[in-house]
Protein backbone atom coordinates (compact mmCIF):
# COMPACT_ATOMS: atom_id res chain seq x y z
CA MET A 1 -32.45 0.57 5.38
CA GLN A 2 -29.33 -1.53 4.83
CA LYS A 3 -26.49 0.69 3.61
CA ARG A 4 -24.94 -0.23 0.28
CA ILE A 5 -21.19 0.12 -0.22
CA MET A 6 -19.26 -0.40 -3.43
CA MET A 7 -15.77 -1.86 -2.96
CA LEU A 8 -13.32 -1.40 -5.83
CA GLY A 9 -11.27 -4.59 -6.10
CA GLY A 10 -11.42 -8.00 -4.49
CA ASN A 11 -7.89 -9.36 -4.16
CA LEU A 12 -6.53 -11.10 -1.07
CA VAL A 13 -5.45 -7.96 0.80
CA GLN A 14 -8.73 -6.18 -0.04
CA CYS A 15 -10.73 -8.98 1.59
CA THR A 16 -10.01 -7.33 4.96
CA ALA A 17 -12.26 -4.35 4.15
CA ILE A 18 -14.88 -6.46 2.36
CA LYS A 19 -15.23 -8.71 5.40
CA ALA A 20 -15.37 -5.64 7.67
CA ALA A 21 -18.23 -4.19 5.62
CA LYS A 22 -20.16 -7.46 5.81
CA ALA A 23 -19.58 -7.70 9.57
CA LEU A 24 -21.03 -4.18 9.93
CA GLY A 25 -24.19 -5.35 8.18
CA TYR A 26 -23.76 -3.45 4.92
CA TYR A 27 -24.80 -4.68 1.48
CA VAL A 28 -21.47 -5.13 -0.30
CA ILE A 29 -20.94 -4.73 -4.05
CA THR A 30 -17.49 -5.61 -5.40
CA VAL A 31 -16.20 -4.34 -8.74
CA ASP A 32 -13.15 -5.30 -10.81
CA TYR A 33 -12.25 -7.15 -14.00
CA LEU A 34 -11.00 -10.32 -12.24
CA PRO A 35 -13.94 -12.59 -11.36
CA GLU A 36 -11.59 -15.12 -9.75
CA ASN A 37 -10.48 -12.66 -7.04
CA PRO A 38 -11.30 -14.10 -3.60
CA GLY A 39 -13.09 -11.04 -2.24
CA HIS A 40 -16.07 -11.48 -4.53
CA LYS A 41 -17.24 -14.59 -2.69
CA PHE A 42 -17.77 -12.49 0.45
CA ALA A 43 -19.81 -9.82 -1.39
CA ASP A 44 -23.54 -9.68 -1.99
CA GLU A 45 -22.97 -9.00 -5.67
CA TYR A 46 -20.10 -8.60 -8.10
CA HIS A 47 -19.75 -6.64 -11.35
CA ASN A 48 -17.04 -7.22 -13.92
CA ILE A 49 -15.89 -3.66 -14.68
CA SER A 50 -12.37 -2.23 -14.63
CA THR A 51 -11.82 -0.10 -11.54
CA ILE A 52 -10.02 2.54 -13.60
CA ASP A 53 -13.05 3.05 -15.88
CA LYS A 54 -14.49 5.99 -13.97
CA GLU A 55 -17.54 6.55 -16.15
CA ALA A 56 -18.57 2.89 -16.19
CA VAL A 57 -18.22 2.64 -12.42
CA LEU A 58 -20.20 5.88 -11.99
CA GLU A 59 -23.01 4.60 -14.19
CA LEU A 60 -23.18 1.37 -12.20
CA ALA A 61 -23.10 3.26 -8.89
CA ARG A 62 -26.03 5.43 -9.99
CA THR A 63 -27.99 2.36 -11.05
CA LEU A 64 -27.35 0.57 -7.76
CA ASN A 65 -28.05 3.65 -5.60
CA ILE A 66 -25.01 3.16 -3.38
CA ASP A 67 -24.38 4.95 -0.07
CA GLY A 68 -20.60 4.90 -0.30
CA ILE A 69 -17.64 3.75 -2.35
CA LEU A 70 -14.19 2.68 -1.20
CA SER A 71 -10.83 1.91 -2.79
CA TYR A 72 -9.05 -0.13 -0.15
CA ALA A 73 -5.34 -0.89 -0.61
CA SER A 74 -5.32 0.28 -4.25
CA ASP A 75 -3.81 3.45 -5.67
CA VAL A 76 -5.07 2.87 -9.21
CA SER A 77 -8.74 2.77 -8.21
CA ALA A 78 -8.58 5.54 -5.58
CA PRO A 79 -9.23 8.31 -8.16
CA THR A 80 -12.26 6.38 -9.44
CA ALA A 81 -13.69 6.13 -5.92
CA ALA A 82 -13.25 9.88 -5.38
CA TYR A 83 -14.65 10.72 -8.82
CA VAL A 84 -17.78 8.64 -8.29
CA ALA A 85 -18.34 9.83 -4.73
CA GLU A 86 -17.91 13.47 -5.75
CA ALA A 87 -20.39 13.07 -8.62
CA LEU A 88 -22.97 11.43 -6.36
CA GLY A 89 -22.46 13.66 -3.32
CA LEU A 90 -21.12 10.82 -1.17
CA PRO A 91 -18.38 11.09 1.50
CA THR A 92 -15.00 11.62 -0.17
CA ASN A 93 -11.83 13.62 -0.40
CA PRO A 94 -11.43 16.00 -3.37
CA TYR A 95 -10.95 14.10 -6.63
CA GLU A 96 -8.18 16.40 -7.87
CA SER A 97 -6.23 15.96 -4.63
CA VAL A 98 -6.60 12.18 -4.77
CA ASN A 99 -5.37 12.28 -8.37
CA ILE A 100 -2.27 14.23 -7.30
CA MET A 101 -1.49 11.77 -4.52
CA THR A 102 -1.82 8.69 -6.73
CA HIS A 103 0.47 9.89 -9.54
CA LYS A 104 4.12 10.12 -8.58
CA ASP A 105 4.89 12.91 -11.04
CA LEU A 106 2.04 15.14 -9.80
CA PHE A 107 2.80 14.30 -6.18
CA ARG A 108 6.48 15.19 -6.46
CA LYS A 109 5.66 18.39 -8.35
CA PHE A 110 3.27 19.33 -5.54
CA LEU A 111 5.89 18.60 -2.88
CA ARG A 112 8.53 20.69 -4.64
CA GLU A 113 6.16 23.62 -5.19
CA ASN A 114 5.20 23.62 -1.51
CA GLY A 115 8.67 23.43 0.01
CA PHE A 116 8.85 19.81 1.11
CA PRO A 117 12.28 18.09 1.08
CA MET A 118 12.69 16.32 -2.26
CA PRO A 119 15.56 14.59 -4.05
CA GLU A 120 16.55 15.71 -7.55
CA GLY A 121 14.25 14.07 -10.08
CA ALA A 122 11.74 14.43 -12.89
CA SER A 123 9.10 12.45 -14.80
CA PHE A 124 9.36 11.37 -18.41
CA GLY A 125 7.29 9.75 -21.13
CA ASN A 126 10.20 9.80 -23.56
CA LYS A 127 13.09 7.39 -23.00
CA ALA A 128 15.71 9.56 -24.74
CA GLU A 129 14.87 12.53 -22.52
CA ALA A 130 14.90 10.32 -19.43
CA LEU A 131 18.29 8.88 -20.40
CA GLU A 132 19.76 12.33 -20.89
CA PHE A 133 18.54 13.34 -17.42
CA PHE A 134 20.02 10.13 -16.01
CA ARG A 135 23.41 10.91 -17.54
CA GLN A 136 23.49 14.31 -15.83
CA THR A 137 22.26 13.13 -12.41
CA LYS A 138 24.28 11.77 -9.50
CA LYS A 139 24.18 7.97 -9.50
CA PRO A 140 22.51 5.77 -8.49
CA VAL A 141 18.94 6.74 -9.33
CA MET A 142 15.56 5.11 -8.85
CA VAL A 143 13.41 4.48 -11.92
CA LYS A 144 9.74 3.73 -11.28
CA PRO A 145 6.38 4.15 -13.01
CA ILE A 146 4.35 7.20 -11.99
CA ASP A 147 1.10 5.27 -11.50
CA SER A 148 1.75 1.93 -9.87
CA SER A 149 2.17 0.64 -6.31
CA GLY A 150 3.59 -2.38 -4.50
CA SER A 151 7.12 -1.62 -5.80
CA LYS A 152 6.06 -2.73 -9.29
CA GLY A 153 8.58 -1.57 -11.85
CA ALA A 154 10.87 0.12 -9.30
CA ASN A 155 14.61 -0.34 -9.81
CA LYS A 156 17.88 1.14 -8.59
CA VAL A 157 20.11 2.07 -11.53
CA TYR A 158 23.84 2.77 -11.80
CA THR A 159 24.63 2.33 -15.50
CA GLU A 160 23.09 2.99 -18.90
CA GLU A 161 22.77 -0.75 -19.49
CA GLU A 162 20.75 -1.08 -16.28
CA PHE A 163 18.75 1.98 -17.25
CA ASP A 164 17.47 0.33 -20.44
CA ALA A 165 16.07 -2.67 -18.56
CA ALA A 166 14.68 -0.51 -15.74
CA TRP A 167 12.93 1.79 -18.22
CA GLU A 168 11.28 -1.13 -20.01
CA GLU A 169 10.08 -2.60 -16.72
CA ALA A 170 8.68 0.75 -15.59
CA MET A 171 6.81 1.10 -18.89
CA HIS A 172 5.40 -2.40 -18.45
CA TYR A 173 3.79 -1.44 -15.13
CA SER A 174 2.79 2.14 -16.00
CA ILE A 175 -0.78 2.70 -17.20
CA SER A 176 0.16 6.10 -18.66
CA LYS A 177 3.61 4.99 -19.91
CA ASN A 178 5.46 7.55 -17.82
CA ALA A 179 8.22 7.05 -15.26
CA ILE A 180 10.03 8.94 -12.51
CA VAL A 181 13.82 9.16 -12.53
CA GLU A 182 15.17 10.52 -9.24
CA ARG A 183 18.30 10.48 -7.13
CA PHE A 184 18.54 7.45 -4.85
CA LEU A 185 18.31 8.30 -1.15
CA VAL A 186 20.54 6.37 1.25
CA ARG A 187 18.37 5.62 4.26
CA THR A 188 19.29 5.12 7.90
CA GLY A 189 17.32 2.58 9.88
CA TYR A 190 14.19 0.95 8.53
CA GLN A 191 12.11 2.56 5.82
CA ILE A 192 8.70 3.49 7.23
CA ASP A 193 5.53 2.13 5.68
CA GLY A 194 2.30 2.22 7.68
CA ASP A 195 -1.26 3.47 7.87
CA ALA A 196 -2.87 6.53 9.43
CA PHE A 197 -6.57 7.27 9.89
CA VAL A 198 -7.90 10.79 9.36
CA ASN A 199 -11.22 12.22 10.51
CA ASN A 200 -12.35 15.84 10.14
CA GLY A 201 -8.92 16.72 8.76
CA GLU A 202 -7.03 15.40 11.80
CA ILE A 203 -4.80 12.34 12.12
CA VAL A 204 -6.57 10.42 14.88
CA PHE A 205 -4.55 7.20 14.58
CA TRP A 206 -0.85 7.14 13.64
CA GLY A 207 0.11 3.60 12.69
CA ILE A 208 3.52 3.75 11.06
CA CYS A 209 5.43 0.47 10.75
CA ASP A 210 9.00 -0.62 10.14
CA GLN A 211 9.28 -2.02 6.62
CA HIS A 212 11.18 -5.28 6.13
CA HIS A 213 12.74 -6.83 3.01
CA ASP A 214 14.04 -10.17 1.85
CA ASP A 215 17.44 -9.10 0.52
CA THR A 216 17.78 -12.36 -1.39
CA CYS A 217 14.81 -11.32 -3.55
CA SER A 218 14.35 -7.55 -3.63
CA LEU A 219 15.74 -4.55 -1.78
CA TYR A 220 12.64 -2.49 -2.55
CA ALA A 221 9.59 -4.76 -2.37
CA PRO A 222 8.54 -5.04 1.30
CA ASP A 223 7.80 -8.51 2.61
CA GLY A 224 6.93 -7.47 6.16
CA HIS A 225 5.55 -4.59 8.23
CA SER A 226 6.01 -4.50 12.00
CA TYR A 227 4.24 -2.42 14.64
CA PRO A 228 5.23 -0.60 16.78
CA PRO A 229 8.14 0.96 14.85
CA THR A 230 11.63 1.21 16.28
CA GLN A 231 12.21 4.68 14.83
CA LEU A 232 13.11 7.58 17.13
CA GLN A 233 10.20 9.83 18.04
CA LYS A 234 11.86 12.97 16.64
CA TYR A 235 11.74 11.53 13.12
CA GLN A 236 8.14 10.46 13.54
CA ASP A 237 7.23 13.96 14.72
CA ASN A 238 8.96 15.49 11.70
CA ALA A 239 7.16 13.17 9.28
CA ARG A 240 3.80 13.67 10.96
CA ALA A 241 4.16 17.46 10.76
CA GLN A 242 4.95 17.23 7.05
CA ILE A 243 1.96 14.96 6.43
CA GLU A 244 -0.42 17.19 8.40
CA LYS A 245 0.75 20.13 6.27
CA LEU A 246 0.26 18.08 3.11
CA LEU A 247 -3.27 16.98 4.05
CA LYS A 248 -4.28 20.53 4.88
CA LEU A 249 -2.92 21.93 1.62
CA LEU A 250 -4.77 19.28 -0.40
CA GLY A 251 -8.01 19.49 1.57
CA MET A 252 -7.86 15.82 2.57
CA HIS A 253 -10.17 15.37 5.52
CA MET A 254 -11.04 11.68 5.83
CA GLY A 255 -9.96 8.11 5.25
CA GLY A 256 -7.07 5.71 5.64
CA TYR A 257 -3.65 6.71 4.29
CA ASN A 258 -0.65 4.59 3.45
CA ILE A 259 2.49 6.46 4.51
CA GLU A 260 6.00 5.81 3.22
CA TYR A 261 9.01 7.88 4.19
CA ILE A 262 12.69 7.51 4.97
CA VAL A 263 15.34 9.27 7.00
CA ASP A 264 18.47 9.77 4.92
CA GLU A 265 22.12 9.72 5.94
CA ASN A 266 21.95 13.47 6.70
CA ASP A 267 19.00 13.10 9.12
CA GLU A 268 16.54 14.57 6.59
CA VAL A 269 13.02 13.12 6.50
CA TYR A 270 11.72 12.55 2.95
CA LEU A 271 8.12 11.68 2.14
CA LEU A 272 8.14 8.99 -0.56
CA GLU A 273 4.47 8.15 -1.03
CA ILE A 274 1.29 9.18 0.79
CA GLY A 275 -1.43 7.01 -0.69
CA PRO A 276 -5.04 8.20 -0.17
CA ARG A 277 -6.04 4.66 0.82
CA ASN A 278 -4.95 2.02 3.29
CA GLY A 279 -1.82 0.04 2.56
CA GLY A 280 -1.82 -3.48 1.22
CA ASN A 281 0.05 -6.43 2.70
CA TRP A 282 -2.33 -6.65 5.69
CA ILE A 283 -0.79 -3.60 7.37
CA ALA A 284 -4.09 -2.66 9.04
CA ASP A 285 -4.53 -6.29 10.10
CA ALA A 286 -1.18 -6.20 11.89
CA ILE A 287 -2.05 -2.89 13.56
CA LYS A 288 -5.33 -4.39 14.77
CA ALA A 289 -3.48 -7.43 16.13
CA SER A 290 -1.12 -5.08 17.98
CA THR A 291 -3.56 -2.49 19.32
CA ASP A 292 -7.15 -3.68 18.69
CA PHE A 293 -7.68 -0.54 16.55
CA ASP A 294 -9.96 -1.71 13.72
CA MET A 295 -9.00 0.70 10.95
CA PRO A 296 -10.75 -1.25 8.14
CA SER A 297 -14.08 -0.93 9.96
CA TYR A 298 -13.55 2.78 10.51
CA VAL A 299 -12.75 3.51 6.85
CA VAL A 300 -15.79 1.48 5.75
CA LYS A 301 -18.13 3.29 8.16
CA GLN A 302 -16.70 6.65 7.17
CA ALA A 303 -17.25 5.89 3.47
CA VAL A 304 -21.00 5.50 3.99
CA GLY A 305 -21.29 8.54 6.25
CA GLU A 306 -21.40 6.85 9.65
CA ASP A 307 -20.10 8.57 12.78
CA VAL A 308 -16.46 7.64 13.52
CA SER A 309 -15.79 10.22 16.22
CA ASP A 310 -14.78 7.49 18.67
CA ALA A 311 -11.66 6.65 16.61
CA ARG A 312 -8.56 7.39 18.67
CA GLN A 313 -4.94 6.44 19.16
CA MET A 314 -4.70 3.11 21.01
CA GLU A 315 -1.80 1.69 22.97
CA VAL A 316 0.26 -1.31 21.92
CA ILE A 317 -0.94 -4.52 23.54
CA ARG A 318 1.57 -6.75 21.78
CA PRO A 319 4.05 -6.29 18.91
CA ALA A 320 2.63 -7.61 15.64
CA SER A 321 3.68 -7.90 12.03
CA SER A 322 2.23 -8.73 8.65
CA TYR A 323 4.30 -10.85 6.28
CA VAL A 324 4.09 -11.57 2.55
CA ILE A 325 4.58 -15.28 1.95
CA HIS A 326 6.84 -15.60 -1.11
CA ALA A 327 9.18 -17.82 -3.05
CA THR A 328 12.89 -17.15 -3.33
CA GLU A 329 13.17 -18.90 -6.69
CA ASP A 330 11.07 -19.66 -9.76
CA GLY A 331 9.45 -23.07 -10.03
CA ILE A 332 6.38 -25.18 -9.33
CA PHE A 333 4.86 -24.74 -5.89
CA LYS A 334 4.87 -27.94 -3.86
CA GLY A 335 4.11 -26.76 -0.35
CA ILE A 336 5.23 -24.73 2.63
CA ASP A 337 7.41 -25.78 5.57
CA ILE A 338 6.94 -23.82 8.81
CA ASP A 339 9.49 -24.15 11.60
CA PRO A 340 7.91 -25.18 14.96
CA VAL A 341 9.54 -22.07 16.50
CA LEU A 342 7.45 -19.83 14.22
CA LYS A 343 4.08 -21.58 14.48
CA PRO A 344 3.00 -20.14 17.89
CA HIS A 345 3.46 -16.61 16.56
CA ILE A 346 1.10 -17.03 13.58
CA THR A 347 -2.39 -15.64 14.28
CA ALA A 348 -3.69 -15.55 10.69
CA MET A 349 -2.52 -17.07 7.41
CA GLU A 350 -3.94 -17.35 3.90
CA LEU A 351 -2.35 -18.76 0.77
CA SER A 352 -3.33 -17.65 -2.73
CA VAL A 353 -1.49 -20.45 -4.55
CA GLN A 354 -2.19 -24.17 -4.89
CA PRO A 355 0.30 -27.06 -5.24
CA GLY A 356 1.25 -27.57 -8.87
CA GLU A 357 0.97 -23.88 -9.80
CA GLU A 358 3.90 -21.95 -11.22
CA VAL A 359 5.45 -19.41 -8.85
CA HIS A 360 8.17 -16.81 -9.28
CA LYS A 361 10.89 -15.27 -7.18
CA PHE A 362 9.50 -12.34 -5.17
CA ARG A 363 10.20 -9.06 -7.00
CA ASN A 364 7.15 -6.94 -6.20
CA ALA A 365 3.75 -7.24 -4.54
CA SER A 366 2.22 -9.10 -7.50
CA PHE A 367 4.52 -12.08 -6.79
CA GLY A 368 3.24 -12.70 -3.26
CA LEU A 369 1.86 -16.19 -2.53
CA GLY A 370 -0.18 -15.32 0.55
CA MET A 371 -0.22 -13.38 3.79
CA MET A 372 0.42 -13.86 7.50
CA VAL A 373 -0.17 -11.89 10.69
CA LEU A 374 2.16 -12.74 13.55
CA THR A 375 2.41 -11.57 17.16
CA PHE A 376 5.52 -11.52 19.35
CA ASP A 377 6.71 -11.10 22.92
CA SER A 378 8.89 -8.08 22.18
CA THR A 379 9.74 -5.65 19.40
CA GLU A 380 13.30 -6.99 19.34
CA GLN A 381 12.09 -10.55 18.85
CA MET A 382 9.70 -9.41 16.13
CA CYS A 383 12.30 -7.53 14.09
CA ASP A 384 14.82 -10.34 14.40
CA MET A 385 12.38 -13.01 13.21
CA ILE A 386 10.81 -10.96 10.40
CA ASP A 387 14.25 -9.94 9.15
CA ASN A 388 15.27 -13.60 9.07
CA MET A 389 12.06 -15.30 8.02
CA ASN A 390 13.85 -17.51 5.51
CA ASP A 391 15.23 -19.36 8.55
CA TYR A 392 11.71 -20.22 9.71
CA LEU A 393 9.54 -20.34 6.60
CA HIS A 394 10.43 -22.33 3.48
CA ILE A 395 8.47 -22.33 0.23
CA ILE A 396 9.05 -25.68 -1.47
CA VAL A 397 9.38 -25.42 -5.25
CA GLU A 398 10.78 -27.72 -7.91
């Protein structure tokens, strides 16, 4: 019988997994509260239910007799996927562990309790308490909501005046109205942000990427991810050892994981986020363009209980990068101008905005206007072009 998989969400970056499920011949059911999301048109059926409403999603899953459920590129719906799968006896990681990994306060508490390197910090639901902690902590600090992703509500803060605005923004993006305040880490080299695939408790594909930023818009919201990374192997080995320890302690044995870490000015490797789901921004698409490793297909097959024992590390065929198309100013979108030098490198491109629509300066993932995958002749060429994309790609606004 045709296997039935429920996909939580249907936005542009989640289309990758939805299309993979359809290509594998599965019956695809998409669920979220945004009927206009593009992924729903690729599904066999769509249901308008919030992906954070665990009980409603569970009731629907029982009714539809699904074989698997997946939260692809979404932290907020990952606990729902684990909750439903656990209740129905479907392939999953432990719900409590997924919950820890998707809430920054619980995750940092777990890291501290288990001896992982961690900067000074704490979580707060009360602004006065958070401000008092800020006053006593070495500046600058990062303020960010405990339960969001895509750099939403994340800000670097030096002064009390900045703290007020940062706190309000964090509260805007936090479902639980709680935020982390922690010492800012000065990184060396690129921040790392990539995907790994785990089967039977082992990392079988290690796909970390260099993270790129448009400094004219945001120092914290990534606009590009390039593979292979330029980071020294010793730092990768350190991070991988920490992550393997983390997965073992939490009993995480399957799935795609979005990995973010940095190396600070003292050569210490700090885990920032380990999301129990693939990353957004077409990270897995770029990895596939670079290596032919089809991580979206593997996570979909794994979610419905198919054999994925053939998954393995694959060599780089060509350097590749994903890129978030974005505006550098507010205005009305008129079009996009692509330099002829860039065009041969573009292997995939999708826009999520139409001429005449209002657009905003890129501040976090929710302000993206579309996605690209690009391939290059060398890692050096790739990093240079992605770091300077404003020279090659112009969003026309008025």
